[in-house]
N, C-alpha and C. Protein backbone atom coordinates (compact mmCIF):
# COMPACT_ATOMS: atom_id res chain seq x y z
N UNK A 1 82.17 38.36 20.06
CA UNK A 1 82.30 37.50 21.21
C UNK A 1 83.78 37.43 21.62
N UNK A 2 84.03 37.63 22.89
CA UNK A 2 85.40 37.61 23.40
C UNK A 2 85.95 36.18 23.39
N UNK A 3 87.23 36.05 23.07
CA UNK A 3 87.81 34.70 23.05
C UNK A 3 88.00 34.16 24.47
N UNK A 4 87.95 32.85 24.57
CA UNK A 4 88.33 32.20 25.83
C UNK A 4 89.84 32.37 25.99
N UNK A 5 90.28 32.32 27.24
CA UNK A 5 91.69 32.48 27.55
C UNK A 5 92.18 31.23 28.27
N UNK A 6 93.29 30.70 27.78
CA UNK A 6 93.92 29.55 28.43
C UNK A 6 95.27 29.98 28.99
N UNK A 7 95.59 29.42 30.14
CA UNK A 7 96.92 29.59 30.71
C UNK A 7 97.57 28.22 30.78
N UNK A 8 98.83 28.17 30.39
CA UNK A 8 99.64 26.97 30.58
C UNK A 8 100.78 27.41 31.50
N UNK A 9 100.86 26.79 32.65
CA UNK A 9 101.85 27.17 33.65
C UNK A 9 102.76 25.97 33.89
N UNK A 10 104.06 26.21 33.85
CA UNK A 10 105.04 25.16 34.09
C UNK A 10 105.84 25.52 35.34
N UNK A 11 105.90 24.61 36.28
CA UNK A 11 106.67 24.79 37.50
C UNK A 11 107.81 23.79 37.53
N UNK A 12 108.98 24.23 37.97
CA UNK A 12 110.06 23.33 38.35
C UNK A 12 109.97 23.22 39.87
N UNK A 13 109.70 22.01 40.34
CA UNK A 13 109.41 21.79 41.75
C UNK A 13 110.58 21.07 42.41
N UNK A 14 110.91 21.51 43.62
CA UNK A 14 111.96 20.84 44.38
C UNK A 14 111.51 19.41 44.67
N UNK A 15 112.36 18.43 44.42
CA UNK A 15 111.95 17.02 44.57
C UNK A 15 111.38 16.69 45.95
N UNK A 16 111.94 17.24 46.99
CA UNK A 16 111.47 16.92 48.34
C UNK A 16 110.17 17.64 48.70
N UNK A 17 109.69 18.53 47.84
CA UNK A 17 108.44 19.26 48.09
C UNK A 17 107.35 18.91 47.08
N UNK A 18 107.62 17.97 46.19
CA UNK A 18 106.68 17.62 45.11
C UNK A 18 105.29 17.23 45.62
N UNK A 19 105.23 16.33 46.60
CA UNK A 19 103.93 15.88 47.11
C UNK A 19 103.15 17.05 47.71
N UNK A 20 103.83 17.90 48.46
CA UNK A 20 103.17 19.07 49.05
C UNK A 20 102.67 20.01 47.96
N UNK A 21 103.49 20.23 46.94
CA UNK A 21 103.11 21.13 45.85
C UNK A 21 101.89 20.60 45.10
N UNK A 22 101.91 19.32 44.78
CA UNK A 22 100.78 18.72 44.06
C UNK A 22 99.50 18.82 44.89
N UNK A 23 99.57 18.55 46.17
CA UNK A 23 98.39 18.66 47.03
C UNK A 23 97.87 20.10 47.05
N UNK A 24 98.78 21.05 47.16
CA UNK A 24 98.39 22.46 47.17
C UNK A 24 97.71 22.85 45.86
N UNK A 25 98.29 22.47 44.73
CA UNK A 25 97.74 22.84 43.43
C UNK A 25 96.40 22.15 43.17
N UNK A 26 96.26 20.91 43.58
CA UNK A 26 94.98 20.22 43.39
C UNK A 26 93.88 20.89 44.21
N UNK A 27 94.20 21.29 45.42
CA UNK A 27 93.22 22.02 46.24
C UNK A 27 92.88 23.37 45.63
N UNK A 28 93.89 24.06 45.14
CA UNK A 28 93.69 25.36 44.49
C UNK A 28 92.78 25.21 43.27
N UNK A 29 93.03 24.19 42.47
CA UNK A 29 92.22 23.95 41.27
C UNK A 29 90.76 23.70 41.65
N UNK A 30 90.53 22.87 42.66
CA UNK A 30 89.15 22.58 43.10
C UNK A 30 88.45 23.85 43.54
N UNK A 31 89.15 24.67 44.33
CA UNK A 31 88.53 25.90 44.82
C UNK A 31 88.24 26.88 43.68
N UNK A 32 89.14 26.99 42.73
CA UNK A 32 88.90 27.88 41.59
C UNK A 32 87.68 27.41 40.80
N UNK A 33 87.61 26.12 40.54
CA UNK A 33 86.46 25.59 39.79
C UNK A 33 85.15 25.76 40.56
N UNK A 34 85.19 25.59 41.86
CA UNK A 34 83.98 25.68 42.67
C UNK A 34 83.51 27.11 42.91
N UNK A 35 84.45 28.07 42.93
CA UNK A 35 84.12 29.42 43.38
C UNK A 35 84.25 30.51 42.33
N UNK A 36 84.77 30.18 41.17
CA UNK A 36 84.94 31.19 40.11
C UNK A 36 84.15 30.75 38.88
N UNK A 37 82.97 31.34 38.67
CA UNK A 37 82.13 30.91 37.54
C UNK A 37 82.81 30.99 36.18
N UNK A 38 83.77 31.89 36.01
CA UNK A 38 84.45 32.03 34.73
C UNK A 38 85.58 31.04 34.51
N UNK A 39 85.89 30.24 35.52
CA UNK A 39 86.92 29.22 35.39
C UNK A 39 86.25 27.94 34.89
N UNK A 40 86.50 27.59 33.64
CA UNK A 40 85.84 26.44 33.02
C UNK A 40 86.60 25.14 33.22
N UNK A 41 87.92 25.24 33.33
CA UNK A 41 88.74 24.03 33.44
C UNK A 41 90.02 24.41 34.18
N UNK A 42 90.47 23.49 35.03
CA UNK A 42 91.72 23.73 35.77
C UNK A 42 92.32 22.36 36.06
N UNK A 43 93.31 21.98 35.27
CA UNK A 43 93.93 20.66 35.39
C UNK A 43 95.34 20.79 35.95
N UNK A 44 95.67 19.89 36.86
CA UNK A 44 97.02 19.77 37.39
C UNK A 44 97.62 18.55 36.70
N UNK A 45 98.68 18.76 35.93
CA UNK A 45 99.29 17.69 35.14
C UNK A 45 100.61 17.28 35.76
N UNK A 46 100.73 16.00 36.05
CA UNK A 46 101.90 15.45 36.75
C UNK A 46 102.63 14.47 35.84
N UNK A 47 103.69 14.93 35.15
CA UNK A 47 104.43 14.06 34.24
C UNK A 47 105.54 13.26 34.92
N UNK A 48 105.39 12.99 36.20
CA UNK A 48 106.47 12.34 36.97
C UNK A 48 106.90 11.01 36.36
N UNK A 49 106.00 10.31 35.68
CA UNK A 49 106.34 9.04 35.07
C UNK A 49 107.18 9.16 33.82
N UNK A 50 107.19 10.35 33.23
CA UNK A 50 107.96 10.56 32.00
C UNK A 50 109.44 10.75 32.36
N UNK A 51 110.30 10.12 31.61
CA UNK A 51 111.73 10.20 31.89
C UNK A 51 112.21 11.65 31.87
N UNK A 52 112.91 12.04 32.91
CA UNK A 52 113.46 13.38 32.98
C UNK A 52 112.47 14.46 33.37
N UNK A 53 111.25 14.10 33.70
CA UNK A 53 110.23 15.10 33.99
C UNK A 53 109.86 15.16 35.47
N UNK A 54 110.60 14.50 36.33
CA UNK A 54 110.20 14.42 37.73
C UNK A 54 110.20 15.75 38.46
N UNK A 55 110.86 16.75 37.93
CA UNK A 55 110.89 18.06 38.59
C UNK A 55 109.76 18.97 38.11
N UNK A 56 109.03 18.59 37.10
CA UNK A 56 108.04 19.50 36.50
C UNK A 56 106.61 19.15 36.90
N UNK A 57 105.81 20.20 37.00
CA UNK A 57 104.36 20.10 37.17
C UNK A 57 103.77 21.18 36.28
N UNK A 58 102.68 20.84 35.59
CA UNK A 58 102.03 21.78 34.68
C UNK A 58 100.60 22.04 35.15
N UNK A 59 100.12 23.24 34.87
CA UNK A 59 98.71 23.58 35.06
C UNK A 59 98.15 23.96 33.70
N UNK A 60 96.91 23.55 33.45
CA UNK A 60 96.16 24.02 32.29
C UNK A 60 94.89 24.64 32.83
N UNK A 61 94.70 25.92 32.54
CA UNK A 61 93.53 26.65 33.04
C UNK A 61 92.79 27.26 31.86
N UNK A 62 91.46 27.20 31.89
CA UNK A 62 90.65 27.77 30.83
C UNK A 62 89.60 28.69 31.43
N UNK A 63 89.54 29.92 30.91
CA UNK A 63 88.62 30.94 31.41
C UNK A 63 87.70 31.41 30.29
N UNK A 64 86.48 31.80 30.65
CA UNK A 64 85.50 32.19 29.65
C UNK A 64 85.94 33.41 28.84
N UNK A 65 86.69 34.31 29.46
CA UNK A 65 87.17 35.51 28.78
C UNK A 65 88.22 36.19 29.64
N UNK A 66 88.74 37.31 29.18
CA UNK A 66 89.78 38.02 29.92
C UNK A 66 89.27 38.50 31.27
N UNK A 67 88.01 38.92 31.34
CA UNK A 67 87.46 39.38 32.62
C UNK A 67 87.48 38.25 33.66
N UNK A 68 87.16 37.03 33.24
CA UNK A 68 87.19 35.89 34.17
C UNK A 68 88.62 35.61 34.61
N UNK A 69 89.58 35.71 33.70
CA UNK A 69 90.98 35.52 34.07
C UNK A 69 91.42 36.62 35.04
N UNK A 70 91.04 37.87 34.77
CA UNK A 70 91.39 38.97 35.67
C UNK A 70 90.82 38.73 37.06
N UNK A 71 89.59 38.21 37.12
CA UNK A 71 88.98 37.90 38.42
C UNK A 71 89.83 36.87 39.17
N UNK A 72 90.27 35.84 38.46
CA UNK A 72 91.12 34.83 39.08
C UNK A 72 92.45 35.42 39.53
N UNK A 73 93.08 36.21 38.68
CA UNK A 73 94.39 36.77 38.99
C UNK A 73 94.35 37.71 40.19
N UNK A 74 93.19 38.30 40.46
CA UNK A 74 93.04 39.23 41.57
C UNK A 74 92.32 38.62 42.76
N UNK A 75 92.09 37.31 42.73
CA UNK A 75 91.32 36.66 43.79
C UNK A 75 92.16 36.44 45.04
N UNK A 76 91.53 36.49 46.21
CA UNK A 76 92.24 36.16 47.45
C UNK A 76 92.78 34.73 47.42
N UNK A 77 92.10 33.83 46.72
CA UNK A 77 92.56 32.45 46.61
C UNK A 77 93.94 32.40 45.96
N UNK A 78 94.11 33.10 44.85
CA UNK A 78 95.40 33.07 44.15
C UNK A 78 96.49 33.74 44.97
N UNK A 79 96.16 34.86 45.61
CA UNK A 79 97.15 35.54 46.44
C UNK A 79 97.64 34.61 47.54
N UNK A 80 96.73 33.91 48.21
CA UNK A 80 97.11 33.01 49.29
C UNK A 80 97.92 31.82 48.77
N UNK A 81 97.52 31.28 47.62
CA UNK A 81 98.22 30.13 47.07
C UNK A 81 99.62 30.51 46.62
N UNK A 82 99.75 31.63 45.93
CA UNK A 82 101.08 32.08 45.47
C UNK A 82 102.03 32.23 46.64
N UNK A 83 101.56 32.78 47.73
CA UNK A 83 102.42 33.00 48.87
C UNK A 83 102.86 31.73 49.57
N UNK A 84 102.20 30.63 49.27
CA UNK A 84 102.51 29.40 50.01
C UNK A 84 103.39 28.42 49.26
N UNK A 85 103.72 28.68 47.99
CA UNK A 85 104.54 27.71 47.27
C UNK A 85 105.94 28.19 46.90
N UNK A 86 106.28 29.39 47.26
CA UNK A 86 107.58 29.93 46.86
C UNK A 86 108.75 29.04 47.26
N UNK A 87 108.69 28.42 48.43
CA UNK A 87 109.79 27.58 48.87
C UNK A 87 109.72 26.16 48.29
N UNK A 88 108.71 25.90 47.46
CA UNK A 88 108.55 24.58 46.86
C UNK A 88 109.07 24.51 45.42
N UNK A 89 109.31 25.67 44.80
CA UNK A 89 109.67 25.70 43.38
C UNK A 89 111.01 26.38 43.15
N UNK A 90 111.59 26.10 41.98
CA UNK A 90 112.81 26.79 41.58
C UNK A 90 112.57 27.68 40.36
N UNK A 91 111.47 27.45 39.63
CA UNK A 91 111.15 28.27 38.46
C UNK A 91 109.67 28.13 38.12
N UNK A 92 109.17 29.15 37.42
CA UNK A 92 107.77 29.16 36.97
C UNK A 92 107.71 29.90 35.65
N UNK A 93 106.97 29.32 34.69
CA UNK A 93 106.75 29.95 33.40
C UNK A 93 105.25 29.92 33.09
N UNK A 94 104.75 31.04 32.57
CA UNK A 94 103.33 31.15 32.24
C UNK A 94 103.18 31.54 30.78
N UNK A 95 102.31 30.82 30.07
CA UNK A 95 101.98 31.17 28.68
C UNK A 95 100.48 31.43 28.63
N UNK A 96 100.09 32.60 28.14
CA UNK A 96 98.68 32.98 27.99
C UNK A 96 98.32 32.82 26.52
N UNK A 97 97.19 32.16 26.25
CA UNK A 97 96.76 31.92 24.88
C UNK A 97 95.29 32.30 24.72
N UNK A 98 94.96 32.92 23.59
CA UNK A 98 93.57 33.08 23.22
C UNK A 98 93.14 31.80 22.51
N UNK A 99 91.97 31.30 22.87
CA UNK A 99 91.47 30.07 22.30
C UNK A 99 90.50 30.43 21.18
N UNK A 100 90.79 29.95 19.97
CA UNK A 100 89.91 30.27 18.84
C UNK A 100 89.24 29.02 18.31
């Protein structure tokens, strides 16, 4: 049985674009969950209340297997979303994990 795949994505968001970025990511998460059967979980995490964390936003994504992740990575939804947030962020880090 193939392992589930989790992505943890960390964004450094420009303070004046935070609300726009969060709205975009929440919409993206809803669409992924609604339209991609292999997407089991997609959380947008907002640590703005934590001291020193106001510039960060995290995503936690869980996929049934690598094929489901590949489907997401090649989806028109992701291509459109990626193209719309470049001016909202200063950095992005992605960690891929196999879930055992």
